[in-house]
Amino acid sequence: MLNKIFGNNLKYFRFKRKYTQERLAELANMSVTYISQLEAGKHSPSFKKLECLAKALNVEAYEFYIEKKLDDLPTRVDMKF
């Protein structure tokens, strides 16, 4: 359950910043595959990786674990800037 909440929030914050998974992976020094697996709830990050993600997305680490209503998320980040 926590992995799913974390994954949904990671995706939510990434979309709010208009980052692709590739951009977030670059900023957090992680692989795109790992970011994808986190968002899908397949893995949970270590504390060190949690801190890197929070810094890259400019949020507090605890915010990843607060359940949100996420009905308004787009299916993809708009790549047009």
PDB file of N, CA and C in Angstrom:
ATOM      1  N   MET A   1       0.814  -1.195   0.000  1.00  0.00           N
ATOM      2  CA  MET A   1       0.000   0.000   0.000  1.00  0.00           C
ATOM      3  C   MET A   1       0.861   1.265   0.000  1.00  0.00           C
ATOM      4  N   LEU A   2       1.878   1.322   0.858  1.00  0.00           N
ATOM      5  CA  LEU A   2       2.735   2.512   0.898  1.00  0.00           C
ATOM      6  C   LEU A   2       3.504   2.695  -0.398  1.00  0.00           C
ATOM      7  N   ASN A   3       3.926   1.583  -1.020  1.00  0.00           N
ATOM      8  CA  ASN A   3       4.635   1.701  -2.297  1.00  0.00           C
ATOM      9  C   ASN A   3       3.752   2.358  -3.347  1.00  0.00           C
ATOM     10  N   LYS A   4       2.467   2.018  -3.349  1.00  0.00           N
ATOM     11  CA  LYS A   4       1.531   2.575  -4.327  1.00  0.00           C
ATOM     12  C   LYS A   4       1.297   4.067  -4.053  1.00  0.00           C
ATOM     13  N   ILE A   5       1.118   4.429  -2.786  1.00  0.00           N
ATOM     14  CA  ILE A   5       0.952   5.848  -2.423  1.00  0.00           C
ATOM     15  C   ILE A   5       2.198   6.629  -2.828  1.00  0.00           C
ATOM     16  N   PHE A   6       3.364   6.074  -2.499  1.00  0.00           N
ATOM     17  CA  PHE A   6       4.619   6.731  -2.876  1.00  0.00           C
ATOM     18  C   PHE A   6       4.695   6.918  -4.389  1.00  0.00           C
ATOM     19  N   GLY A   7       4.421   5.852  -5.133  1.00  0.00           N
ATOM     20  CA  GLY A   7       4.502   5.908  -6.588  1.00  0.00           C
ATOM     21  C   GLY A   7       3.559   6.929  -7.190  1.00  0.00           C
ATOM     22  N   ASN A   8       2.329   6.968  -6.702  1.00  0.00           N
ATOM     23  CA  ASN A   8       1.352   7.950  -7.200  1.00  0.00           C
ATOM     24  C   ASN A   8       1.813   9.374  -6.911  1.00  0.00           C
ATOM     25  N   ASN A   9       2.344   9.590  -5.712  1.00  0.00           N
ATOM     26  CA  ASN A   9       2.811  10.930  -5.353  1.00  0.00           C
ATOM     27  C   ASN A   9       4.061  11.327  -6.132  1.00  0.00           C
ATOM     28  N   LEU A  10       4.941  10.378  -6.367  1.00  0.00           N
ATOM     29  CA  LEU A  10       6.120  10.664  -7.169  1.00  0.00           C
ATOM     30  C   LEU A  10       5.694  11.131  -8.562  1.00  0.00           C
ATOM     31  N   LYS A  11       4.763  10.420  -9.150  1.00  0.00           N
ATOM     32  CA  LYS A  11       4.253  10.792 -10.468  1.00  0.00           C
ATOM     33  C   LYS A  11       3.562  12.155 -10.411  1.00  0.00           C
ATOM     34  N   TYR A  12       2.765  12.385  -9.361  1.00  0.00           N
ATOM     35  CA  TYR A  12       2.063  13.657  -9.182  1.00  0.00           C
ATOM     36  C   TYR A  12       3.048  14.820  -9.133  1.00  0.00           C
ATOM     37  N   PHE A  13       4.071  14.721  -8.296  1.00  0.00           N
ATOM     38  CA  PHE A  13       5.039  15.816  -8.174  1.00  0.00           C
ATOM     39  C   PHE A  13       5.847  15.981  -9.460  1.00  0.00           C
ATOM     40  N   ARG A  14       6.152  14.881 -10.123  1.00  0.00           N
ATOM     41  CA  ARG A  14       6.877  14.954 -11.394  1.00  0.00           C
ATOM     42  C   ARG A  14       6.036  15.692 -12.438  1.00  0.00           C
ATOM     43  N   PHE A  15       4.749  15.364 -12.509  1.00  0.00           N
ATOM     44  CA  PHE A  15       3.864  16.028 -13.463  1.00  0.00           C
ATOM     45  C   PHE A  15       3.703  17.505 -13.124  1.00  0.00           C
ATOM     46  N   LYS A  16       3.614  17.831 -11.834  1.00  0.00           N
ATOM     47  CA  LYS A  16       3.491  19.239 -11.440  1.00  0.00           C
ATOM     48  C   LYS A  16       4.694  20.050 -11.900  1.00  0.00           C
ATOM     49  N   ARG A  17       5.867  19.425 -11.912  1.00  0.00           N
ATOM     50  CA  ARG A  17       7.088  20.117 -12.355  1.00  0.00           C
ATOM     51  C   ARG A  17       7.273  20.017 -13.880  1.00  0.00           C
ATOM     52  N   LYS A  18       6.362  19.272 -14.522  1.00  0.00           N
ATOM     53  CA  LYS A  18       6.435  19.036 -15.969  1.00  0.00           C
ATOM     54  C   LYS A  18       7.738  18.354 -16.361  1.00  0.00           C
ATOM     55  N   TYR A  19       8.180  17.424 -15.516  1.00  0.00           N
ATOM     56  CA  TYR A  19       9.366  16.634 -15.796  1.00  0.00           C
ATOM     57  C   TYR A  19       8.954  15.309 -16.430  1.00  0.00           C
ATOM     58  N   THR A  20       9.717  14.879 -17.397  1.00  0.00           N
ATOM     59  CA  THR A  20       9.572  13.512 -17.898  1.00  0.00           C
ATOM     60  C   THR A  20      10.288  12.590 -16.915  1.00  0.00           C
ATOM     61  N   GLN A  21      10.068  11.304 -17.050  1.00  0.00           N
ATOM     62  CA  GLN A  21      10.814  10.356 -16.221  1.00  0.00           C
ATOM     63  C   GLN A  21      12.305  10.486 -16.499  1.00  0.00           C
ATOM     64  N   GLU A  22      12.653  10.750 -17.741  1.00  0.00           N
ATOM     65  CA  GLU A  22      14.059  10.918 -18.112  1.00  0.00           C
ATOM     66  C   GLU A  22      14.690  12.108 -17.397  1.00  0.00           C
ATOM     67  N   ARG A  23      13.950  13.221 -17.355  1.00  0.00           N
ATOM     68  CA  ARG A  23      14.483  14.425 -16.694  1.00  0.00           C
ATOM     69  C   ARG A  23      14.634  14.199 -15.190  1.00  0.00           C
ATOM     70  N   LEU A  24      13.636  13.590 -14.575  1.00  0.00           N
ATOM     71  CA  LEU A  24      13.727  13.315 -13.142  1.00  0.00           C
ATOM     72  C   LEU A  24      14.879  12.363 -12.857  1.00  0.00           C
ATOM     73  N   ALA A  25      15.030  11.342 -13.667  1.00  0.00           N
ATOM     74  CA  ALA A  25      16.131  10.393 -13.480  1.00  0.00           C
ATOM     75  C   ALA A  25      17.479  11.107 -13.544  1.00  0.00           C
ATOM     76  N   GLU A  26      17.597  12.019 -14.482  1.00  0.00           N
ATOM     77  CA  GLU A  26      18.830  12.795 -14.626  1.00  0.00           C
ATOM     78  C   GLU A  26      19.084  13.652 -13.388  1.00  0.00           C
ATOM     79  N   LEU A  27      18.066  14.362 -12.927  1.00  0.00           N
ATOM     80  CA  LEU A  27      18.216  15.249 -11.765  1.00  0.00           C
ATOM     81  C   LEU A  27      18.504  14.488 -10.481  1.00  0.00           C
ATOM     82  N   ALA A  28      17.926  13.294 -10.359  1.00  0.00           N
ATOM     83  CA  ALA A  28      18.085  12.504  -9.132  1.00  0.00           C
ATOM     84  C   ALA A  28      19.221  11.485  -9.236  1.00  0.00           C
ATOM     85  N   ASN A  29      19.891  11.449 -10.385  1.00  0.00           N
ATOM     86  CA  ASN A  29      20.990  10.516 -10.614  1.00  0.00           C
ATOM     87  C   ASN A  29      20.542   9.055 -10.444  1.00  0.00           C
ATOM     88  N   MET A  30      19.438   8.732 -11.118  1.00  0.00           N
ATOM     89  CA  MET A  30      18.874   7.387 -11.084  1.00  0.00           C
ATOM     90  C   MET A  30      18.535   6.977 -12.509  1.00  0.00           C
ATOM     91  N   SER A  31      18.226   5.711 -12.699  1.00  0.00           N
ATOM     92  CA  SER A  31      17.860   5.261 -14.041  1.00  0.00           C
ATOM     93  C   SER A  31      16.372   5.517 -14.302  1.00  0.00           C
ATOM     94  N   VAL A  32      16.034   5.655 -15.562  1.00  0.00           N
ATOM     95  CA  VAL A  32      14.640   5.829 -15.960  1.00  0.00           C
ATOM     96  C   VAL A  32      13.827   4.599 -15.564  1.00  0.00           C
ATOM     97  N   THR A  33      14.410   3.431 -15.721  1.00  0.00           N
ATOM     98  CA  THR A  33      13.732   2.185 -15.350  1.00  0.00           C
ATOM     99  C   THR A  33      13.370   2.191 -13.874  1.00  0.00           C
ATOM    100  N   TYR A  34      14.296   2.641 -13.030  1.00  0.00           N
ATOM    101  CA  TYR A  34      14.039   2.680 -11.593  1.00  0.00           C
ATOM    102  C   TYR A  34      12.919   3.666 -11.260  1.00  0.00           C
ATOM    103  N   ILE A  35      12.927   4.838 -11.900  1.00  0.00           N
ATOM    104  CA  ILE A  35      11.860   5.823 -11.680  1.00  0.00           C
ATOM    105  C   ILE A  35      10.524   5.211 -12.071  1.00  0.00           C
ATOM    106  N   SER A  36      10.484   4.544 -13.208  1.00  0.00           N
ATOM    107  CA  SER A  36       9.260   3.899 -13.687  1.00  0.00           C
ATOM    108  C   SER A  36       8.763   2.854 -12.695  1.00  0.00           C
ATOM    109  N   GLN A  37       9.664   2.050 -12.173  1.00  0.00           N
ATOM    110  CA  GLN A  37       9.288   1.016 -11.202  1.00  0.00           C
ATOM    111  C   GLN A  37       8.803   1.628  -9.887  1.00  0.00           C
ATOM    112  N   LEU A  38       9.400   2.736  -9.472  1.00  0.00           N
ATOM    113  CA  LEU A  38       8.924   3.426  -8.269  1.00  0.00           C
ATOM    114  C   LEU A  38       7.506   3.934  -8.479  1.00  0.00           C
ATOM    115  N   GLU A  39       7.262   4.558  -9.623  1.00  0.00           N
ATOM    116  CA  GLU A  39       5.934   5.094  -9.907  1.00  0.00           C
ATOM    117  C   GLU A  39       4.885   3.996  -9.996  1.00  0.00           C
ATOM    118  N   ALA A  40       5.278   2.826 -10.434  1.00  0.00           N
ATOM    119  CA  ALA A  40       4.357   1.695 -10.542  1.00  0.00           C
ATOM    120  C   ALA A  40       4.147   0.987  -9.198  1.00  0.00           C
ATOM    121  N   GLY A  41       4.873   1.412  -8.176  1.00  0.00           N
ATOM    122  CA  GLY A  41       4.733   0.797  -6.856  1.00  0.00           C
ATOM    123  C   GLY A  41       5.448  -0.530  -6.714  1.00  0.00           C
ATOM    124  N   LYS A  42       6.394  -0.812  -7.602  1.00  0.00           N
ATOM    125  CA  LYS A  42       7.103  -2.093  -7.580  1.00  0.00           C
ATOM    126  C   LYS A  42       8.290  -2.098  -6.632  1.00  0.00           C
ATOM    127  N   HIS A  43       8.775  -0.917  -6.270  1.00  0.00           N
ATOM    128  CA  HIS A  43       9.918  -0.790  -5.362  1.00  0.00           C
ATOM    129  C   HIS A  43       9.665   0.358  -4.398  1.00  0.00           C
ATOM    130  N   SER A  44      10.405   0.355  -3.311  1.00  0.00           N
ATOM    131  CA  SER A  44      10.411   1.504  -2.409  1.00  0.00           C
ATOM    132  C   SER A  44      11.850   2.003  -2.338  1.00  0.00           C
ATOM    133  N   PRO A  45      12.040   3.310  -2.276  1.00  0.00           N
ATOM    134  CA  PRO A  45      13.401   3.854  -2.306  1.00  0.00           C
ATOM    135  C   PRO A  45      14.081   3.762  -0.944  1.00  0.00           C
ATOM    136  N   SER A  46      15.398   3.741  -0.986  1.00  0.00           N
ATOM    137  CA  SER A  46      16.174   3.868   0.247  1.00  0.00           C
ATOM    138  C   SER A  46      16.020   5.309   0.738  1.00  0.00           C
ATOM    139  N   PHE A  47      16.440   5.565   1.970  1.00  0.00           N
ATOM    140  CA  PHE A  47      16.366   6.929   2.488  1.00  0.00           C
ATOM    141  C   PHE A  47      17.210   7.886   1.647  1.00  0.00           C
ATOM    142  N   LYS A  48      18.362   7.432   1.216  1.00  0.00           N
ATOM    143  CA  LYS A  48      19.240   8.282   0.395  1.00  0.00           C
ATOM    144  C   LYS A  48      18.562   8.631  -0.928  1.00  0.00           C
ATOM    145  N   LYS A  49      17.941   7.651  -1.570  1.00  0.00           N
ATOM    146  CA  LYS A  49      17.262   7.913  -2.839  1.00  0.00           C
ATOM    147  C   LYS A  49      16.018   8.770  -2.621  1.00  0.00           C
ATOM    148  N   LEU A  50      15.335   8.563  -1.514  1.00  0.00           N
ATOM    149  CA  LEU A  50      14.181   9.386  -1.175  1.00  0.00           C
ATOM    150  C   LEU A  50      14.598  10.853  -1.058  1.00  0.00           C
ATOM    151  N   GLU A  51      15.712  11.105  -0.396  1.00  0.00           N
ATOM    152  CA  GLU A  51      16.218  12.468  -0.267  1.00  0.00           C
ATOM    153  C   GLU A  51      16.571  13.067  -1.622  1.00  0.00           C
ATOM    154  N   CYS A  52      17.182  12.285  -2.497  1.00  0.00           N
ATOM    155  CA  CYS A  52      17.537  12.773  -3.840  1.00  0.00           C
ATOM    156  C   CYS A  52      16.288  13.128  -4.641  1.00  0.00           C
ATOM    157  N   LEU A  53      15.258  12.284  -4.558  1.00  0.00           N
ATOM    158  CA  LEU A  53      14.012  12.561  -5.276  1.00  0.00           C
ATOM    159  C   LEU A  53      13.329  13.807  -4.731  1.00  0.00           C
ATOM    160  N   ALA A  54      13.299  13.936  -3.412  1.00  0.00           N
ATOM    161  CA  ALA A  54      12.673  15.104  -2.790  1.00  0.00           C
ATOM    162  C   ALA A  54      13.388  16.385  -3.210  1.00  0.00           C
ATOM    163  N   LYS A  55      14.695  16.335  -3.235  1.00  0.00           N
ATOM    164  CA  LYS A  55      15.479  17.511  -3.643  1.00  0.00           C
ATOM    165  C   LYS A  55      15.218  17.836  -5.111  1.00  0.00           C
ATOM    166  N   ALA A  56      15.212  16.827  -5.967  1.00  0.00           N
ATOM    167  CA  ALA A  56      14.998  17.042  -7.404  1.00  0.00           C
ATOM    168  C   ALA A  56      13.621  17.632  -7.686  1.00  0.00           C
ATOM    169  N   LEU A  57      12.631  17.267  -6.867  1.00  0.00           N
ATOM    170  CA  LEU A  57      11.257  17.733  -7.075  1.00  0.00           C
ATOM    171  C   LEU A  57      10.880  18.907  -6.173  1.00  0.00           C
ATOM    172  N   ASN A  58      11.811  19.323  -5.321  1.00  0.00           N
ATOM    173  CA  ASN A  58      11.604  20.454  -4.418  1.00  0.00           C
ATOM    174  C   ASN A  58      10.392  20.243  -3.502  1.00  0.00           C
ATOM    175  N   VAL A  59      10.344  19.071  -2.885  1.00  0.00           N
ATOM    176  CA  VAL A  59       9.302  18.756  -1.902  1.00  0.00           C
ATOM    177  C   VAL A  59       9.965  18.160  -0.667  1.00  0.00           C
ATOM    178  N   GLU A  60       9.225  18.111   0.413  1.00  0.00           N
ATOM    179  CA  GLU A  60       9.700  17.444   1.620  1.00  0.00           C
ATOM    180  C   GLU A  60       9.500  15.937   1.450  1.00  0.00           C
ATOM    181  N   ALA A  61      10.417  15.145   1.943  1.00  0.00           N
ATOM    182  CA  ALA A  61      10.363  13.689   1.750  1.00  0.00           C
ATOM    183  C   ALA A  61       9.066  13.077   2.277  1.00  0.00           C
ATOM    184  N   TYR A  62       8.557  13.572   3.385  1.00  0.00           N
ATOM    185  CA  TYR A  62       7.344  12.989   3.957  1.00  0.00           C
ATOM    186  C   TYR A  62       6.126  13.157   3.040  1.00  0.00           C
ATOM    187  N   GLU A  63       6.163  14.158   2.161  1.00  0.00           N
ATOM    188  CA  GLU A  63       5.016  14.416   1.282  1.00  0.00           C
ATOM    189  C   GLU A  63       4.746  13.269   0.311  1.00  0.00           C
ATOM    190  N   PHE A  64       5.737  12.445   0.061  1.00  0.00           N
ATOM    191  CA  PHE A  64       5.545  11.292  -0.819  1.00  0.00           C
ATOM    192  C   PHE A  64       4.599  10.255  -0.209  1.00  0.00           C
ATOM    193  N   TYR A  65       4.402  10.309   1.093  1.00  0.00           N
ATOM    194  CA  TYR A  65       3.606   9.292   1.783  1.00  0.00           C
ATOM    195  C   TYR A  65       2.247   9.786   2.261  1.00  0.00           C
ATOM    196  N   ILE A  66       1.840  10.969   1.833  1.00  0.00           N
ATOM    197  CA  ILE A  66       0.523  11.494   2.170  1.00  0.00           C
ATOM    198  C   ILE A  66      -0.414  11.188   1.011  1.00  0.00           C
ATOM    199  N   GLU A  67      -1.446  10.411   1.262  1.00  0.00           N
ATOM    200  CA  GLU A  67      -2.356  10.002   0.201  1.00  0.00           C
ATOM    201  C   GLU A  67      -3.137  11.197  -0.326  1.00  0.00           C
ATOM    202  N   LYS A  68      -3.183  11.317  -1.647  1.00  0.00           N
ATOM    203  CA  LYS A  68      -3.875  12.421  -2.313  1.00  0.00           C
ATOM    204  C   LYS A  68      -4.919  11.860  -3.266  1.00  0.00           C
ATOM    205  N   LYS A  69      -5.882  12.681  -3.604  1.00  0.00           N
ATOM    206  CA  LYS A  69      -6.827  12.335  -4.662  1.00  0.00           C
ATOM    207  C   LYS A  69      -6.170  12.769  -5.968  1.00  0.00           C
ATOM    208  N   LEU A  70      -5.918  11.823  -6.851  1.00  0.00           N
ATOM    209  CA  LEU A  70      -5.115  12.110  -8.034  1.00  0.00           C
ATOM    210  C   LEU A  70      -5.899  11.960  -9.333  1.00  0.00           C
ATOM    211  N   ASP A  71      -7.168  12.295  -9.327  1.00  0.00           N
ATOM    212  CA  ASP A  71      -8.004  12.128 -10.514  1.00  0.00           C
ATOM    213  C   ASP A  71      -7.644  13.082 -11.649  1.00  0.00           C
ATOM    214  N   ASP A  72      -6.985  14.187 -11.327  1.00  0.00           N
ATOM    215  CA  ASP A  72      -6.749  15.209 -12.340  1.00  0.00           C
ATOM    216  C   ASP A  72      -5.395  15.098 -13.036  1.00  0.00           C
ATOM    217  N   LEU A  73      -4.684  14.005 -12.840  1.00  0.00           N
ATOM    218  CA  LEU A  73      -3.392  13.855 -13.487  1.00  0.00           C
ATOM    219  C   LEU A  73      -3.543  13.510 -14.959  1.00  0.00           C
ATOM    220  N   PRO A  74      -2.753  14.148 -15.808  1.00  0.00           N
ATOM    221  CA  PRO A  74      -2.761  13.743 -17.217  1.00  0.00           C
ATOM    222  C   PRO A  74      -2.092  12.377 -17.358  1.00  0.00           C
ATOM    223  N   THR A  75      -2.263  11.735 -18.501  1.00  0.00           N
ATOM    224  CA  THR A  75      -1.639  10.436 -18.698  1.00  0.00           C
ATOM    225  C   THR A  75      -0.169  10.579 -19.075  1.00  0.00           C
ATOM    226  N   ARG A  76       0.203  11.737 -19.596  1.00  0.00           N
ATOM    227  CA  ARG A  76       1.594  11.975 -19.995  1.00  0.00           C
ATOM    228  C   ARG A  76       1.965  13.429 -19.734  1.00  0.00           C
ATOM    229  N   VAL A  77       3.255  13.674 -19.584  1.00  0.00           N
ATOM    230  CA  VAL A  77       3.755  15.038 -19.498  1.00  0.00           C
ATOM    231  C   VAL A  77       3.798  15.600 -20.913  1.00  0.00           C
ATOM    232  N   ASP A  78       3.287  16.805 -21.099  1.00  0.00           N
ATOM    233  CA  ASP A  78       3.342  17.464 -22.399  1.00  0.00           C
ATOM    234  C   ASP A  78       4.787  17.832 -22.706  1.00  0.00           C
ATOM    235  N   MET A  79       5.312  17.285 -23.766  1.00  0.00           N
ATOM    236  CA  MET A  79       6.719  17.496 -24.106  1.00  0.00           C
ATOM    237  C   MET A  79       6.962  18.823 -24.820  1.00  0.00           C
ATOM    238  N   LYS A  80       5.914  19.580 -25.130  1.00  0.00           N
ATOM    239  CA  LYS A  80       6.074  20.870 -25.816  1.00  0.00           C
ATOM    240  C   LYS A  80       6.332  21.960 -24.791  1.00  0.00           C
ATOM    241  N   PHE A  81       7.446  22.654 -24.931  1.00  0.00           N
ATOM    242  CA  PHE A  81       7.780  23.702 -23.974  1.00  0.00           C
ATOM    243  C   PHE A  81       7.736  25.055 -24.623  1.00  0.00           C
TER     244      PHE A  81
END
